[in-house]
Amino acid sequence: MKVLVYVEAWGQGGIESFLMNMFRCLQNNGFEFVLFSTWEWNSSYDSELCALGIERYSVFNGYRPGQLKRLREGSAAFERILKKRQYDAVYVNTMNGMGFLYSEVARRRGVPVRLVHSHNSTFGPNMTAAKTVAHKFAQLFLSGSATACLACSDDAGRYLFNKKPFVFVNNGIDTRRFAFDPNARERIRCKLGIPASSFLAGSIGRVSATKNPLFQVRAFAEIKKLDPFAHYLMVGDGDMRSETEELVVRLGLEESFHMTGYLPDPAPYFSALDVFLMPSLFEGLPFAVVESQCSGCSVLASGTLPKEVGITDLVRIMPLEAGEGAWASVAVEMGTSETNRLFYSERVARAGFSADDASCLVAKILNAGDGAGGSIG
């Protein structure tokens, strides 16, 4: 089955993680994927995509033009690719209703199977009038172009599909790779100069407004009042990195606040943490919360996260309105509790959050073409 996969932007985020896991499982196992993005901000996966035999196209390389330009030129380029080659399916991965434009283009070109997968539960802080209009228009007039609707959570499904039925597809991970590793814990802490006995909180993901990094810094300042020897680890990169670093210096935390930037393999760093903080402003179903639980690391998350994040007993939800001081107190309490971290990867896998299970479900839907396999909503 030849499948053209669409994503608005290509870089190093949750959608990319999901798709790379799927590619590893399904490419050349009955499926041949081609990847299309309107724009790209990072090409780190290109060597692996090449090794897998997956072609990748991007309309705008290294920069992000305005919304109208992206829609107009992106959809035109998508249609040109569909004209050049016959595809059995398109698989649209989207954060909002504009993704329906691409399933509509595929419908007009006669592609029989058209999946639309919702990876977010709201627009977030950068909502504009133009986005609102485009989102609502696509929901009303283009959503019928999808032959199957998928979502990473119930919130994400209702946000994009309203009352239409959709299939819940877990954000599956390589549970073996993210299992707790005591040797990795020792190695990473030694590399960063963090004593084995020190309390270590942190986050792994994009350093962007969505992840609320300034709240993380201020919460850590409160943690330091409770435990002067505590450290914080922030793995990732993004457009708020400079602003975050400035706040770290302004609060005098630079000796115990560690920012690594982007890392191609963050898995060992989960083992190094005692507690994972996710005070996100909005999310679909973040991979990092699944990966953290797989490593047996406690997660303190904001109330904006969907209920499906509670795969294990390691997750606690706390409103952002409680403030950084309250977050600090709970984080220290959670991170210092005795937990046997060795068995959580098996629990996450049994809950259906393995990459193999998620990929098999997508494969089943692609082959069926109509969302067979457990519609909800």
Protein backbone atom coordinates (compact mmCIF):
# COMPACT_ATOMS: atom_id res chain seq x y z
CA MET A 1 0.00 0.00 0.00
CA LYS A 2 1.46 3.36 -1.07
CA VAL A 3 0.66 6.04 1.52
CA LEU A 4 1.32 9.79 1.28
CA VAL A 5 1.70 11.15 4.82
CA TYR A 6 0.99 14.82 5.52
CA VAL A 7 2.16 16.94 8.45
CA GLU A 8 2.09 20.75 8.59
CA ALA A 9 5.61 21.12 10.01
CA TRP A 10 8.49 18.67 10.29
CA GLY A 11 11.05 18.81 13.07
CA GLN A 12 11.40 17.09 16.45
CA GLY A 13 8.06 16.94 18.21
CA GLY A 14 5.28 14.59 19.21
CA ILE A 15 3.85 14.07 15.73
CA GLU A 16 7.31 13.34 14.39
CA SER A 17 7.90 10.79 17.18
CA PHE A 18 4.61 9.09 16.40
CA LEU A 19 5.29 8.93 12.67
CA MET A 20 8.88 7.74 13.04
CA ASN A 21 7.70 4.89 15.30
CA MET A 22 5.10 3.97 12.70
CA PHE A 23 7.61 4.13 9.85
CA ARG A 24 10.00 1.85 11.72
CA CYS A 25 7.24 -0.71 12.23
CA LEU A 26 5.42 -0.60 8.89
CA GLN A 27 7.73 0.64 6.12
CA ASN A 28 8.49 -2.29 3.77
CA ASN A 29 6.12 -4.48 5.79
CA GLY A 30 3.23 -4.11 3.40
CA PHE A 31 3.46 -0.30 3.29
CA GLU A 32 5.49 2.25 1.36
CA PHE A 33 5.38 5.75 2.84
CA VAL A 34 6.17 9.14 1.34
CA LEU A 35 6.34 12.10 3.74
CA PHE A 36 5.10 15.61 2.91
CA SER A 37 5.31 18.74 5.08
CA THR A 38 4.36 22.31 4.31
CA TRP A 39 7.48 23.59 6.11
CA GLU A 40 10.36 22.19 8.11
CA TRP A 41 12.33 23.50 11.06
CA ASN A 42 14.69 20.56 11.56
CA SER A 43 15.97 17.71 9.40
CA SER A 44 17.57 15.50 12.06
CA TYR A 45 15.51 12.44 11.07
CA ASP A 46 16.57 12.58 7.41
CA SER A 47 19.36 10.02 7.66
CA GLU A 48 17.00 7.46 9.24
CA LEU A 49 14.25 8.24 6.74
CA CYS A 50 16.74 7.66 3.94
CA ALA A 51 17.82 4.35 5.49
CA LEU A 52 14.17 3.29 5.66
CA GLY A 53 13.67 4.24 2.02
CA ILE A 54 11.19 7.05 2.77
CA GLU A 55 11.15 10.12 0.54
CA ARG A 56 10.49 13.44 2.26
CA TYR A 57 9.18 16.61 0.60
CA SER A 58 8.89 20.05 2.16
CA VAL A 59 7.50 23.15 0.44
CA PHE A 60 9.30 25.70 2.62
CA ASN A 61 12.71 24.70 3.96
CA GLY A 62 14.02 26.28 7.14
CA TYR A 63 11.39 28.97 7.52
CA ARG A 64 7.68 29.41 8.15
CA PRO A 65 5.72 31.77 5.90
CA GLY A 66 2.31 33.21 6.75
CA GLN A 67 -0.80 31.07 7.17
CA LEU A 68 -2.43 31.94 3.83
CA LYS A 69 0.77 31.34 1.88
CA ARG A 70 1.26 27.99 3.60
CA LEU A 71 -2.30 26.91 2.82
CA ARG A 72 -2.25 28.05 -0.79
CA GLU A 73 1.19 26.83 -1.82
CA GLY A 74 1.20 23.80 0.47
CA SER A 75 -2.06 22.38 -0.86
CA ALA A 76 -0.98 23.10 -4.45
CA ALA A 77 2.29 21.22 -3.94
CA PHE A 78 0.42 18.34 -2.27
CA GLU A 79 -1.86 18.07 -5.30
CA ARG A 80 1.11 18.06 -7.68
CA ILE A 81 2.57 15.07 -5.85
CA LEU A 82 -0.76 13.25 -6.09
CA LYS A 83 -0.85 13.94 -9.84
CA LYS A 84 2.61 12.48 -10.40
CA ARG A 85 1.97 9.15 -8.71
CA GLN A 86 -0.97 7.00 -7.73
CA TYR A 87 -1.42 6.54 -3.98
CA ASP A 88 -3.64 4.05 -2.19
CA ALA A 89 -4.08 6.32 0.84
CA VAL A 90 -3.26 9.68 2.35
CA TYR A 91 -2.67 10.01 6.08
CA VAL A 92 -3.17 13.59 7.31
CA ASN A 93 -1.68 14.40 10.71
CA THR A 94 -2.96 17.76 11.89
CA MET A 95 -3.27 20.14 14.83
CA ASN A 96 -6.40 21.88 13.55
CA GLY A 97 -9.15 21.89 10.92
CA MET A 98 -6.86 23.07 8.13
CA GLY A 99 -5.73 19.47 7.77
CA PHE A 100 -9.08 18.69 6.13
CA LEU A 101 -7.98 20.74 3.13
CA TYR A 102 -5.43 18.03 2.33
CA SER A 103 -7.91 15.16 2.66
CA GLU A 104 -10.22 17.15 0.36
CA VAL A 105 -7.44 17.53 -2.22
CA ALA A 106 -6.88 13.77 -2.02
CA ARG A 107 -10.61 13.13 -2.43
CA ARG A 108 -10.69 15.26 -5.58
CA ARG A 109 -7.69 13.33 -6.92
CA GLY A 110 -9.48 10.02 -6.38
CA VAL A 111 -7.40 8.65 -3.48
CA PRO A 112 -9.71 6.00 -1.97
CA VAL A 113 -8.47 5.99 1.67
CA ARG A 114 -8.13 9.31 3.51
CA LEU A 115 -7.21 9.29 7.21
CA VAL A 116 -7.22 12.46 9.32
CA HIS A 117 -5.49 12.21 12.71
CA SER A 118 -6.01 14.89 15.40
CA HIS A 119 -2.91 15.47 17.54
CA ASN A 120 -4.07 18.45 19.59
CA SER A 121 -6.97 19.51 21.81
CA THR A 122 -7.03 23.28 21.20
CA PHE A 123 -5.40 26.04 19.18
CA GLY A 124 -3.37 27.38 22.07
CA PRO A 125 -2.05 30.88 22.82
CA ASN A 126 -1.39 31.88 19.17
CA MET A 127 -5.04 31.79 18.17
CA THR A 128 -5.92 34.37 15.49
CA ALA A 129 -9.14 35.37 13.80
CA ALA A 130 -7.88 33.98 10.48
CA LYS A 131 -7.09 30.61 12.08
CA THR A 132 -10.48 30.48 13.75
CA VAL A 133 -12.30 31.13 10.49
CA ALA A 134 -10.20 28.60 8.56
CA HIS A 135 -10.62 25.96 11.29
CA LYS A 136 -14.40 26.35 11.49
CA PHE A 137 -14.81 26.51 7.71
CA ALA A 138 -12.83 23.29 7.24
CA GLN A 139 -14.79 21.52 9.97
CA LEU A 140 -18.11 22.49 8.38
CA PHE A 141 -17.37 22.03 4.69
CA LEU A 142 -14.32 19.76 4.28
CA SER A 143 -14.45 17.23 7.13
CA GLY A 144 -16.57 14.87 5.04
CA SER A 145 -13.51 14.23 2.87
CA ALA A 146 -12.01 11.96 5.57
CA THR A 147 -12.83 8.28 5.27
CA ALA A 148 -11.57 7.69 8.83
CA CYS A 149 -10.94 9.99 11.79
CA LEU A 150 -8.24 9.27 14.40
CA ALA A 151 -7.28 11.06 17.63
CA CYS A 152 -4.63 10.78 20.33
CA SER A 153 -7.18 11.52 23.07
CA ASP A 154 -10.88 12.04 23.59
CA ASP A 155 -10.32 15.82 23.91
CA ALA A 156 -8.35 15.89 20.65
CA GLY A 157 -11.07 13.94 18.86
CA ARG A 158 -13.91 16.17 20.01
CA TYR A 159 -11.88 19.32 19.29
CA LEU A 160 -11.38 18.44 15.61
CA PHE A 161 -14.27 16.14 14.72
CA ASN A 162 -17.08 17.53 16.91
CA LYS A 163 -19.74 14.79 17.01
CA LYS A 164 -18.28 12.66 14.23
CA PRO A 165 -17.04 9.21 15.35
CA PHE A 166 -13.29 8.75 15.64
CA VAL A 167 -10.80 6.05 16.59
CA PHE A 168 -8.58 6.55 19.63
CA VAL A 169 -4.96 5.71 18.70
CA ASN A 170 -2.51 5.65 21.60
CA ASN A 171 0.75 7.55 21.32
CA GLY A 172 2.78 4.36 21.37
CA ILE A 173 6.47 4.33 22.27
CA ASP A 174 9.35 1.86 22.27
CA THR A 175 8.77 0.70 25.84
CA ARG A 176 12.04 -1.24 25.97
CA ARG A 177 14.04 1.85 25.06
CA PHE A 178 12.42 4.03 27.72
CA ALA A 179 12.50 1.47 30.55
CA PHE A 180 14.30 2.56 33.72
CA ASP A 181 18.06 2.01 33.51
CA PRO A 182 20.04 2.51 36.74
CA ASN A 183 23.32 2.57 34.79
CA ALA A 184 22.00 5.37 32.57
CA ARG A 185 20.90 7.26 35.69
CA GLU A 186 24.41 7.14 37.10
CA ARG A 187 26.03 7.97 33.75
CA ILE A 188 23.84 10.99 32.95
CA ARG A 189 24.13 12.47 36.43
CA CYS A 190 27.90 12.06 36.36
CA LYS A 191 28.04 13.73 32.93
CA LEU A 192 26.03 16.73 34.17
CA GLY A 193 27.83 17.01 37.50
CA ILE A 194 24.74 16.14 39.54
CA PRO A 195 25.41 14.06 42.69
CA ALA A 196 23.69 10.69 42.88
CA SER A 197 21.88 11.72 46.06
CA SER A 198 20.60 15.09 44.74
CA PHE A 199 16.94 15.68 43.98
CA LEU A 200 16.53 16.20 40.22
CA ALA A 201 13.37 17.59 38.63
CA GLY A 202 13.07 18.32 34.95
CA SER A 203 11.34 18.28 31.61
CA ILE A 204 12.06 16.89 28.17
CA GLY A 205 10.50 18.49 25.11
CA ARG A 206 10.21 21.70 23.11
CA VAL A 207 11.23 24.89 24.92
CA SER A 208 8.20 26.78 23.65
CA ALA A 209 5.22 28.68 25.02
CA THR A 210 3.08 25.54 25.02
CA LYS A 211 5.37 23.86 27.55
CA ASN A 212 5.37 26.89 29.89
CA PRO A 213 9.16 26.92 30.49
CA LEU A 214 9.20 30.13 32.56
CA PHE A 215 6.77 28.54 35.02
CA GLN A 216 9.21 25.62 35.26
CA VAL A 217 12.08 27.96 36.13
CA ARG A 218 10.05 29.78 38.77
CA ALA A 219 8.83 26.48 40.23
CA PHE A 220 12.43 25.32 40.50
CA ALA A 221 13.33 28.52 42.34
CA GLU A 222 10.69 27.48 44.90
CA ILE A 223 12.08 23.92 44.99
CA LYS A 224 15.49 25.36 45.89
CA LYS A 225 13.93 26.96 48.96
CA LEU A 226 12.82 23.51 50.10
CA ASP A 227 15.99 21.71 49.03
CA PRO A 228 19.07 23.91 48.46
CA PHE A 229 20.92 21.00 46.84
CA ALA A 230 18.26 20.29 44.20
CA HIS A 231 18.94 20.43 40.45
CA TYR A 232 16.77 20.94 37.37
CA LEU A 233 17.24 19.43 33.92
CA MET A 234 15.61 20.86 30.79
CA VAL A 235 16.24 18.78 27.65
CA GLY A 236 15.15 20.30 24.35
CA ASP A 237 15.28 23.40 22.22
CA GLY A 238 12.81 25.96 20.94
CA ASP A 239 11.98 29.59 20.42
CA MET A 240 11.83 30.35 24.16
CA ARG A 241 15.25 28.98 25.03
CA SER A 242 16.98 32.39 25.24
CA GLU A 243 14.19 33.87 27.37
CA THR A 244 14.32 30.83 29.65
CA GLU A 245 18.10 31.08 30.05
CA GLU A 246 17.78 34.77 30.91
CA LEU A 247 15.29 34.01 33.69
CA VAL A 248 17.56 31.28 35.06
CA VAL A 249 20.39 33.81 35.35
CA ARG A 250 18.14 36.54 36.76
CA LEU A 251 17.00 34.18 39.54
CA GLY A 252 20.57 33.04 40.25
CA LEU A 253 19.91 29.39 39.36
CA GLU A 254 22.58 28.84 36.72
CA GLU A 255 24.74 26.60 38.91
CA SER A 256 21.97 24.02 39.34
CA PHE A 257 19.82 24.49 36.20
CA HIS A 258 20.99 22.34 33.29
CA MET A 259 19.84 23.02 29.70
CA THR A 260 21.16 20.49 27.19
CA GLY A 261 19.46 21.69 24.00
CA TYR A 262 18.16 19.13 21.53
CA LEU A 263 19.38 15.55 22.04
CA PRO A 264 18.84 12.82 19.41
CA ASP A 265 18.23 10.20 22.12
CA PRO A 266 16.64 11.62 25.28
CA ALA A 267 15.60 8.21 26.63
CA PRO A 268 18.43 7.81 29.22
CA TYR A 269 17.63 11.22 30.71
CA PHE A 270 14.24 10.04 31.99
CA SER A 271 16.07 7.54 34.20
CA ALA A 272 18.16 10.37 35.67
CA LEU A 273 15.10 12.35 36.81
CA ASP A 274 13.22 12.03 40.11
CA VAL A 275 10.13 13.92 38.94
CA PHE A 276 8.96 15.23 35.57
CA LEU A 277 7.20 18.60 35.45
CA MET A 278 4.71 19.36 32.68
CA PRO A 279 2.90 22.65 33.37
CA SER A 280 1.71 22.83 29.76
CA LEU A 281 -0.81 25.40 28.59
CA PHE A 282 -2.40 22.81 26.27
CA GLU A 283 -1.59 19.36 24.88
CA GLY A 284 -3.01 16.53 22.83
CA LEU A 285 -1.46 13.54 24.57
CA PRO A 286 2.25 14.28 25.07
CA PHE A 287 4.74 11.53 24.35
CA ALA A 288 6.99 12.71 27.17
CA VAL A 289 4.36 11.83 29.79
CA VAL A 290 4.12 8.29 28.40
CA GLU A 291 7.91 7.98 28.23
CA SER A 292 8.35 9.30 31.76
CA GLN A 293 5.90 6.74 33.17
CA CYS A 294 7.65 4.02 31.19
CA SER A 295 10.85 4.91 33.06
CA GLY A 296 9.03 4.84 36.40
CA CYS A 297 9.44 8.60 36.86
CA SER A 298 6.64 10.51 38.62
CA VAL A 299 4.85 13.20 36.57
CA LEU A 300 3.32 16.40 37.89
CA ALA A 301 1.15 17.82 35.11
CA SER A 302 -1.25 20.71 34.58
CA GLY A 303 -5.00 20.26 34.34
CA THR A 304 -4.89 21.03 30.63
CA LEU A 305 -3.69 17.50 29.87
CA PRO A 306 -6.29 14.91 28.82
CA LYS A 307 -7.39 12.20 31.24
CA GLU A 308 -5.70 9.54 29.09
CA VAL A 309 -2.25 10.60 30.40
CA GLY A 310 -2.96 8.68 33.62
CA ILE A 311 -1.68 5.35 32.34
CA THR A 312 -0.18 4.48 35.75
CA ASP A 313 -0.30 5.74 39.33
CA LEU A 314 2.73 7.97 38.68
CA VAL A 315 0.74 10.94 37.33
CA ARG A 316 -0.69 13.71 39.46
CA ILE A 317 -2.70 16.58 37.98
CA MET A 318 -2.42 20.05 39.49
CA PRO A 319 -3.90 23.34 38.27
CA LEU A 320 -1.47 26.05 37.22
CA GLU A 321 -3.48 28.47 39.34
CA ALA A 322 -2.11 26.72 42.45
CA GLY A 323 1.12 28.59 41.78
CA GLU A 324 4.80 27.73 41.62
CA GLY A 325 5.17 27.31 45.39
CA ALA A 326 2.49 24.63 45.57
CA TRP A 327 3.94 22.91 42.52
CA ALA A 328 7.35 22.87 44.19
CA SER A 329 6.02 21.27 47.38
CA VAL A 330 4.16 18.53 45.50
CA ALA A 331 7.10 17.91 43.15
CA VAL A 332 9.47 17.33 46.06
CA GLU A 333 6.94 15.07 47.77
CA MET A 334 6.44 12.99 44.61
CA GLY A 335 10.12 12.84 43.67
CA THR A 336 11.24 11.63 47.07
CA SER A 337 8.63 8.86 47.43
CA GLU A 338 9.88 5.29 47.29
CA THR A 339 8.97 3.67 43.95
CA ASN A 340 10.18 0.51 42.26
CA ARG A 341 10.82 1.92 38.80
CA LEU A 342 11.81 -1.34 37.12
CA PHE A 343 8.29 -2.63 36.38
CA TYR A 344 6.64 0.40 34.82
CA SER A 345 7.70 -0.21 31.22
CA GLU A 346 5.78 -3.48 31.30
CA ARG A 347 2.72 -1.72 32.74
CA VAL A 348 2.80 0.94 29.99
CA ALA A 349 3.11 -1.76 27.32
CA ARG A 350 0.20 -3.74 28.80
CA ALA A 351 -1.92 -0.57 28.72
CA GLY A 352 -1.57 -0.52 24.93
CA PHE A 353 1.03 2.23 24.63
CA SER A 354 3.68 0.30 22.72
CA ALA A 355 4.72 1.55 19.28
CA ASP A 356 3.94 -1.85 17.80
CA ASP A 357 0.34 -1.79 19.04
CA ALA A 358 -0.29 1.77 17.81
CA SER A 359 1.27 1.05 14.41
CA CYS A 360 -0.74 -2.13 13.98
CA LEU A 361 -3.94 -0.20 14.66
CA VAL A 362 -3.05 2.45 12.05
CA ALA A 363 -2.20 -0.33 9.58
CA LYS A 364 -5.58 -1.96 10.23
CA ILE A 365 -7.39 1.33 9.60
CA LEU A 366 -5.39 2.02 6.44
CA ASN A 367 -6.26 -1.41 5.10
CA ALA A 368 -9.92 -1.11 6.07
CA GLY A 369 -10.15 2.48 4.87
CA ASP A 370 -13.19 3.33 7.00
CA GLY A 371 -12.01 3.57 10.60
CA ALA A 372 -12.88 -0.02 11.48
CA GLY A 373 -11.51 -1.11 14.80
CA GLY A 374 -13.23 0.74 17.63
CA SER A 375 -14.74 4.11 16.80
CA ILE A 376 -15.67 6.34 19.71
CA GLY A 377 -16.90 9.88 20.19
